[in-house]
Amino acid sequence: MGAENVFIPQQARLWLAPVGTAAPDGPTVAMPSAWFDIGLFTPDSFNWSTDPSFEETRAHQSNYAVRRWQTEDAATIEVDLLEWSLASFRAVYGGGTIEKVEPAGGGTAYFRFTPPAIGSRTETAACLELIDGNKRLRRMVPRCEQTEGVEQSFQKTEASTLPLRLSVLGGDVGAPYYDLLPSTWAAFDPGPTTP
């Protein structure tokens, strides 16, 4: 126990990649080339939440549940992106198409972004990276998907953000998410838990 165990995420990044991309081999190595940094986001918007669901059995002899079991699990990543780019638009809307348009009458080319149709959202892999000095943690999410609507506010006096909300997806192989932790934390390992 001690102050060295206090973790303050002074810097954070969110990396995205196609599903199936190899994860980094540790918390401090360079990210594999297929991963891309989604860019700048507001300092207080980077959040992770889990939402387990339970059922319970009650008995007439007790005011408390006598048995409780977990039936579902859920986890969500949320962040408000400051950078407007083609990559951030696709991430925030869960896919979509990007087309470069050359004006028929000449002039500057532009891009046309079309959000995905129903049933066409794209899954992605995510890596939440948190940095406190020389301590670094990476939370790996092999599969997630943007499942919320996009709500934006366009104010004259502040930057408009792109709200990214990713719901973790599970599967029959591997964990829905896991953490890559620095080896220095092993010095404070309490040992295996007992049932």
C-alpha atoms as a PDB file:
ATOM      1  CA  MET A   1       0.000   0.000   0.000  1.00  0.00           C
ATOM      2  CA  GLY A   2       1.152   3.527  -0.672  1.00  0.00           C
ATOM      3  CA  ALA A   3       0.887   6.625  -2.833  1.00  0.00           C
ATOM      4  CA  GLU A   4       2.722   4.837  -5.662  1.00  0.00           C
ATOM      5  CA  ASN A   5      -0.438   2.788  -6.219  1.00  0.00           C
ATOM      6  CA  VAL A   6      -2.576   5.862  -6.912  1.00  0.00           C
ATOM      7  CA  PHE A   7      -3.278   6.055 -10.639  1.00  0.00           C
ATOM      8  CA  ILE A   8      -4.069   9.457 -12.209  1.00  0.00           C
ATOM      9  CA  PRO A   9      -4.704   9.197 -15.972  1.00  0.00           C
ATOM     10  CA  GLN A  10      -3.037  12.485 -16.900  1.00  0.00           C
ATOM     11  CA  GLN A  11      -3.096  11.524 -20.583  1.00  0.00           C
ATOM     12  CA  ALA A  12      -5.414   9.245 -22.503  1.00  0.00           C
ATOM     13  CA  ARG A  13      -5.816   7.965 -26.040  1.00  0.00           C
ATOM     14  CA  LEU A  14      -8.409   5.931 -27.862  1.00  0.00           C
ATOM     15  CA  TRP A  15      -7.213   3.642 -30.628  1.00  0.00           C
ATOM     16  CA  LEU A  16      -9.495   1.898 -33.131  1.00  0.00           C
ATOM     17  CA  ALA A  17      -8.809  -0.891 -35.625  1.00  0.00           C
ATOM     18  CA  PRO A  18     -10.691  -3.392 -37.783  1.00  0.00           C
ATOM     19  CA  VAL A  19     -12.024  -6.384 -35.856  1.00  0.00           C
ATOM     20  CA  GLY A  20      -9.428  -9.159 -35.834  1.00  0.00           C
ATOM     21  CA  THR A  21      -6.422  -6.808 -35.758  1.00  0.00           C
ATOM     22  CA  ALA A  22      -3.594  -8.102 -33.549  1.00  0.00           C
ATOM     23  CA  ALA A  23      -3.452  -6.467 -30.129  1.00  0.00           C
ATOM     24  CA  PRO A  24      -0.224  -4.816 -28.920  1.00  0.00           C
ATOM     25  CA  ASP A  25       2.152  -7.169 -27.103  1.00  0.00           C
ATOM     26  CA  GLY A  26       2.075  -5.274 -23.821  1.00  0.00           C
ATOM     27  CA  PRO A  27       1.094  -1.923 -22.308  1.00  0.00           C
ATOM     28  CA  THR A  28       4.137   0.079 -23.463  1.00  0.00           C
ATOM     29  CA  VAL A  29       5.128  -1.267 -26.910  1.00  0.00           C
ATOM     30  CA  ALA A  30       4.270   0.679 -30.056  1.00  0.00           C
ATOM     31  CA  MET A  31       0.766   0.066 -31.333  1.00  0.00           C
ATOM     32  CA  PRO A  32       0.645  -2.201 -34.408  1.00  0.00           C
ATOM     33  CA  SER A  33       0.300  -0.265 -37.660  1.00  0.00           C
ATOM     34  CA  ALA A  34      -3.350  -1.182 -38.297  1.00  0.00           C
ATOM     35  CA  TRP A  35      -4.447   0.734 -35.168  1.00  0.00           C
ATOM     36  CA  PHE A  36      -5.185   4.451 -35.525  1.00  0.00           C
ATOM     37  CA  ASP A  37      -5.472   7.137 -32.861  1.00  0.00           C
ATOM     38  CA  ILE A  38      -8.971   8.661 -33.079  1.00  0.00           C
ATOM     39  CA  GLY A  39      -7.533  12.049 -32.086  1.00  0.00           C
ATOM     40  CA  LEU A  40      -8.224  14.806 -29.595  1.00  0.00           C
ATOM     41  CA  PHE A  41     -11.208  14.635 -27.258  1.00  0.00           C
ATOM     42  CA  THR A  42     -12.510  16.711 -24.360  1.00  0.00           C
ATOM     43  CA  PRO A  43     -10.659  16.156 -21.054  1.00  0.00           C
ATOM     44  CA  ASP A  44     -13.608  15.017 -18.943  1.00  0.00           C
ATOM     45  CA  SER A  45     -15.553  12.928 -21.459  1.00  0.00           C
ATOM     46  CA  PHE A  46     -13.538   9.670 -21.565  1.00  0.00           C
ATOM     47  CA  ASN A  47     -15.616   7.151 -19.618  1.00  0.00           C
ATOM     48  CA  TRP A  48     -15.937   3.402 -19.202  1.00  0.00           C
ATOM     49  CA  SER A  49     -18.976   1.795 -17.607  1.00  0.00           C
ATOM     50  CA  THR A  50     -20.263  -1.718 -16.991  1.00  0.00           C
ATOM     51  CA  ASP A  51     -23.912  -2.603 -16.486  1.00  0.00           C
ATOM     52  CA  PRO A  52     -24.529  -6.165 -15.251  1.00  0.00           C
ATOM     53  CA  SER A  53     -28.097  -7.457 -14.901  1.00  0.00           C
ATOM     54  CA  PHE A  54     -29.264  -9.830 -12.154  1.00  0.00           C
ATOM     55  CA  GLU A  55     -32.277 -11.924 -11.281  1.00  0.00           C
ATOM     56  CA  GLU A  56     -33.099 -12.896  -7.719  1.00  0.00           C
ATOM     57  CA  THR A  57     -35.238 -15.289  -5.690  1.00  0.00           C
ATOM     58  CA  ARG A  58     -37.095 -14.099  -2.624  1.00  0.00           C
ATOM     59  CA  ALA A  59     -38.506 -16.109   0.275  1.00  0.00           C
ATOM     60  CA  HIS A  60     -41.325 -15.255   2.630  1.00  0.00           C
ATOM     61  CA  GLN A  61     -38.973 -15.762   5.580  1.00  0.00           C
ATOM     62  CA  SER A  62     -36.552 -12.979   4.569  1.00  0.00           C
ATOM     63  CA  ASN A  63     -36.738  -9.323   3.632  1.00  0.00           C
ATOM     64  CA  TYR A  64     -33.620  -9.857   1.527  1.00  0.00           C
ATOM     65  CA  ALA A  65     -33.119 -11.908  -1.604  1.00  0.00           C
ATOM     66  CA  VAL A  66     -32.021 -15.458  -0.737  1.00  0.00           C
ATOM     67  CA  ARG A  67     -30.370 -16.093  -4.100  1.00  0.00           C
ATOM     68  CA  ARG A  68     -29.089 -13.779  -6.814  1.00  0.00           C
ATOM     69  CA  TRP A  69     -27.532 -14.665 -10.174  1.00  0.00           C
ATOM     70  CA  GLN A  70     -26.186 -12.653 -13.065  1.00  0.00           C
ATOM     71  CA  THR A  71     -28.078 -12.971 -16.344  1.00  0.00           C
ATOM     72  CA  GLU A  72     -26.427 -10.394 -18.593  1.00  0.00           C
ATOM     73  CA  ASP A  73     -23.406  -8.142 -18.834  1.00  0.00           C
ATOM     74  CA  ALA A  74     -22.733  -4.949 -20.754  1.00  0.00           C
ATOM     75  CA  ALA A  75     -19.930  -2.403 -21.045  1.00  0.00           C
ATOM     76  CA  THR A  76     -19.672   0.936 -22.814  1.00  0.00           C
ATOM     77  CA  ILE A  77     -16.934   3.337 -23.930  1.00  0.00           C
ATOM     78  CA  GLU A  78     -17.876   6.976 -24.331  1.00  0.00           C
ATOM     79  CA  VAL A  79     -15.859   9.986 -25.416  1.00  0.00           C
ATOM     80  CA  ASP A  80     -16.598  13.343 -27.043  1.00  0.00           C
ATOM     81  CA  LEU A  81     -14.274  13.840 -30.008  1.00  0.00           C
ATOM     82  CA  LEU A  82     -12.921  17.297 -30.740  1.00  0.00           C
ATOM     83  CA  GLU A  83     -11.439  16.495 -34.147  1.00  0.00           C
ATOM     84  CA  TRP A  84     -13.708  16.379 -37.157  1.00  0.00           C
ATOM     85  CA  SER A  85     -12.200  14.002 -39.705  1.00  0.00           C
ATOM     86  CA  LEU A  86     -13.384  11.297 -42.080  1.00  0.00           C
ATOM     87  CA  ALA A  87     -12.242   8.643 -39.577  1.00  0.00           C
ATOM     88  CA  SER A  88     -14.089  10.266 -36.674  1.00  0.00           C
ATOM     89  CA  PHE A  89     -17.302  10.614 -38.707  1.00  0.00           C
ATOM     90  CA  ARG A  90     -17.225   6.905 -39.572  1.00  0.00           C
ATOM     91  CA  ALA A  91     -16.508   5.968 -35.942  1.00  0.00           C
ATOM     92  CA  VAL A  92     -19.269   8.145 -34.505  1.00  0.00           C
ATOM     93  CA  TYR A  93     -21.924   6.966 -36.968  1.00  0.00           C
ATOM     94  CA  GLY A  94     -20.873   3.304 -36.860  1.00  0.00           C
ATOM     95  CA  GLY A  95     -19.615   3.097 -40.415  1.00  0.00           C
ATOM     96  CA  GLY A  96     -20.990   4.665 -43.550  1.00  0.00           C
ATOM     97  CA  THR A  97     -19.532   5.494 -46.942  1.00  0.00           C
ATOM     98  CA  ILE A  98     -17.138   8.254 -47.936  1.00  0.00           C
ATOM     99  CA  GLU A  99     -17.052   9.384 -51.535  1.00  0.00           C
ATOM    100  CA  LYS A 100     -14.672  11.917 -53.057  1.00  0.00           C
ATOM    101  CA  VAL A 101     -16.598  14.200 -55.391  1.00  0.00           C
ATOM    102  CA  GLU A 102     -15.032  16.086 -58.274  1.00  0.00           C
ATOM    103  CA  PRO A 103     -17.393  18.938 -59.243  1.00  0.00           C
ATOM    104  CA  ALA A 104     -18.562  18.563 -62.844  1.00  0.00           C
ATOM    105  CA  GLY A 105     -17.985  22.242 -63.530  1.00  0.00           C
ATOM    106  CA  GLY A 106     -14.492  22.212 -62.045  1.00  0.00           C
ATOM    107  CA  GLY A 107     -13.402  23.600 -58.720  1.00  0.00           C
ATOM    108  CA  THR A 108     -12.273  22.083 -55.451  1.00  0.00           C
ATOM    109  CA  ALA A 109     -13.042  18.430 -54.788  1.00  0.00           C
ATOM    110  CA  TYR A 110     -14.939  17.553 -51.610  1.00  0.00           C
ATOM    111  CA  PHE A 111     -16.100  14.486 -49.708  1.00  0.00           C
ATOM    112  CA  ARG A 112     -19.623  13.196 -49.268  1.00  0.00           C
ATOM    113  CA  PHE A 113     -20.285  11.142 -46.127  1.00  0.00           C
ATOM    114  CA  THR A 114     -23.373   8.945 -45.939  1.00  0.00           C
ATOM    115  CA  PRO A 115     -24.239   7.305 -42.583  1.00  0.00           C
ATOM    116  CA  PRO A 116     -24.814   3.530 -42.648  1.00  0.00           C
ATOM    117  CA  ALA A 117     -28.234   2.131 -43.476  1.00  0.00           C
ATOM    118  CA  ILE A 118     -30.060  -0.071 -40.961  1.00  0.00           C
ATOM    119  CA  GLY A 119     -28.176  -3.357 -40.671  1.00  0.00           C
ATOM    120  CA  SER A 120     -24.957  -1.899 -42.098  1.00  0.00           C
ATOM    121  CA  ARG A 121     -23.147  -0.697 -38.982  1.00  0.00           C
ATOM    122  CA  THR A 122     -19.506  -1.732 -38.756  1.00  0.00           C
ATOM    123  CA  GLU A 123     -17.954  -3.390 -35.722  1.00  0.00           C
ATOM    124  CA  THR A 124     -14.556  -2.157 -34.566  1.00  0.00           C
ATOM    125  CA  ALA A 125     -11.817  -3.095 -32.119  1.00  0.00           C
ATOM    126  CA  ALA A 126     -10.831  -0.514 -29.488  1.00  0.00           C
ATOM    127  CA  CYS A 127      -7.939   0.180 -27.134  1.00  0.00           C
ATOM    128  CA  LEU A 128      -8.306   2.624 -24.240  1.00  0.00           C
ATOM    129  CA  GLU A 129      -4.842   3.847 -23.264  1.00  0.00           C
ATOM    130  CA  LEU A 130      -4.309   5.604 -19.924  1.00  0.00           C
ATOM    131  CA  ILE A 131      -0.958   7.152 -18.960  1.00  0.00           C
ATOM    132  CA  ASP A 132       0.285   8.314 -15.559  1.00  0.00           C
ATOM    133  CA  GLY A 133       3.953   9.280 -15.868  1.00  0.00           C
ATOM    134  CA  ASN A 134       5.809   6.044 -16.620  1.00  0.00           C
ATOM    135  CA  LYS A 135       2.767   3.889 -15.791  1.00  0.00           C
ATOM    136  CA  ARG A 136       0.579   2.863 -18.690  1.00  0.00           C
ATOM    137  CA  LEU A 137      -2.590   0.783 -18.879  1.00  0.00           C
ATOM    138  CA  ARG A 138      -4.302  -0.463 -22.024  1.00  0.00           C
ATOM    139  CA  ARG A 139      -7.840  -1.845 -21.997  1.00  0.00           C
ATOM    140  CA  MET A 140      -8.384  -3.993 -25.085  1.00  0.00           C
ATOM    141  CA  VAL A 141     -11.849  -4.490 -26.573  1.00  0.00           C
ATOM    142  CA  PRO A 142     -11.762  -6.982 -29.475  1.00  0.00           C
ATOM    143  CA  ARG A 143     -15.286  -6.124 -30.679  1.00  0.00           C
ATOM    144  CA  CYS A 144     -17.553  -3.140 -30.114  1.00  0.00           C
ATOM    145  CA  GLU A 145     -20.121  -1.163 -32.042  1.00  0.00           C
ATOM    146  CA  GLN A 146     -21.654   2.297 -32.052  1.00  0.00           C
ATOM    147  CA  THR A 147     -25.231   1.651 -30.931  1.00  0.00           C
ATOM    148  CA  GLU A 148     -26.518   5.070 -29.883  1.00  0.00           C
ATOM    149  CA  GLY A 149     -27.840   8.014 -31.806  1.00  0.00           C
ATOM    150  CA  VAL A 150     -25.666  11.067 -32.462  1.00  0.00           C
ATOM    151  CA  GLU A 151     -26.695  14.170 -30.548  1.00  0.00           C
ATOM    152  CA  GLN A 152     -24.738  17.354 -31.213  1.00  0.00           C
ATOM    153  CA  SER A 153     -24.938  20.937 -30.016  1.00  0.00           C
ATOM    154  CA  PHE A 154     -23.670  23.763 -32.214  1.00  0.00           C
ATOM    155  CA  GLN A 155     -22.788  26.667 -29.935  1.00  0.00           C
ATOM    156  CA  LYS A 156     -21.202  29.897 -31.105  1.00  0.00           C
ATOM    157  CA  THR A 157     -18.810  30.112 -28.161  1.00  0.00           C
ATOM    158  CA  GLU A 158     -17.477  26.544 -27.822  1.00  0.00           C
ATOM    159  CA  ALA A 159     -16.110  23.713 -29.925  1.00  0.00           C
ATOM    160  CA  SER A 160     -18.688  21.289 -31.260  1.00  0.00           C
ATOM    161  CA  THR A 161     -17.897  17.669 -30.448  1.00  0.00           C
ATOM    162  CA  LEU A 162     -18.669  14.314 -32.044  1.00  0.00           C
ATOM    163  CA  PRO A 163     -20.107  11.924 -29.421  1.00  0.00           C
ATOM    164  CA  LEU A 164     -18.623   8.428 -29.727  1.00  0.00           C
ATOM    165  CA  ARG A 165     -20.499   5.728 -27.782  1.00  0.00           C
ATOM    166  CA  LEU A 166     -19.239   2.162 -28.246  1.00  0.00           C
ATOM    167  CA  SER A 167     -21.003  -0.885 -26.786  1.00  0.00           C
ATOM    168  CA  VAL A 168     -18.808  -3.901 -26.090  1.00  0.00           C
ATOM    169  CA  LEU A 169     -19.764  -7.098 -27.924  1.00  0.00           C
ATOM    170  CA  GLY A 170     -19.062 -10.628 -26.742  1.00  0.00           C
ATOM    171  CA  GLY A 171     -18.470 -13.913 -28.500  1.00  0.00           C
ATOM    172  CA  ASP A 172     -17.862 -17.590 -27.915  1.00  0.00           C
ATOM    173  CA  VAL A 173     -14.069 -17.215 -27.994  1.00  0.00           C
ATOM    174  CA  GLY A 174     -11.987 -14.939 -25.755  1.00  0.00           C
ATOM    175  CA  ALA A 175     -12.913 -12.283 -23.233  1.00  0.00           C
ATOM    176  CA  PRO A 176     -15.121  -9.324 -24.267  1.00  0.00           C
ATOM    177  CA  TYR A 177     -12.376  -7.061 -22.862  1.00  0.00           C
ATOM    178  CA  TYR A 178      -9.143  -7.335 -20.872  1.00  0.00           C
ATOM    179  CA  ASP A 179      -6.412  -5.081 -19.471  1.00  0.00           C
ATOM    180  CA  LEU A 180      -2.688  -4.932 -20.229  1.00  0.00           C
ATOM    181  CA  LEU A 181      -0.989  -3.781 -17.005  1.00  0.00           C
ATOM    182  CA  PRO A 182       2.584  -2.670 -16.226  1.00  0.00           C
ATOM    183  CA  SER A 183       4.873  -5.284 -14.666  1.00  0.00           C
ATOM    184  CA  THR A 184       5.635  -2.944 -11.739  1.00  0.00           C
ATOM    185  CA  TRP A 185       2.123  -3.565 -10.421  1.00  0.00           C
ATOM    186  CA  ALA A 186       3.076  -7.201  -9.713  1.00  0.00           C
ATOM    187  CA  ALA A 187       4.945  -6.040  -6.597  1.00  0.00           C
ATOM    188  CA  PHE A 188       1.554  -5.288  -5.061  1.00  0.00           C
ATOM    189  CA  ASP A 189      -0.155  -8.490  -6.249  1.00  0.00           C
ATOM    190  CA  PRO A 190      -2.215  -9.887  -3.342  1.00  0.00           C
ATOM    191  CA  GLY A 191      -1.959 -13.394  -4.827  1.00  0.00           C
ATOM    192  CA  PRO A 192      -4.671 -15.654  -6.197  1.00  0.00           C
ATOM    193  CA  THR A 193      -8.165 -15.173  -4.901  1.00  0.00           C
ATOM    194  CA  THR A 194      -9.756 -18.022  -3.003  1.00  0.00           C
ATOM    195  CA  PRO A 195     -13.312 -19.164  -3.685  1.00  0.00           C
END
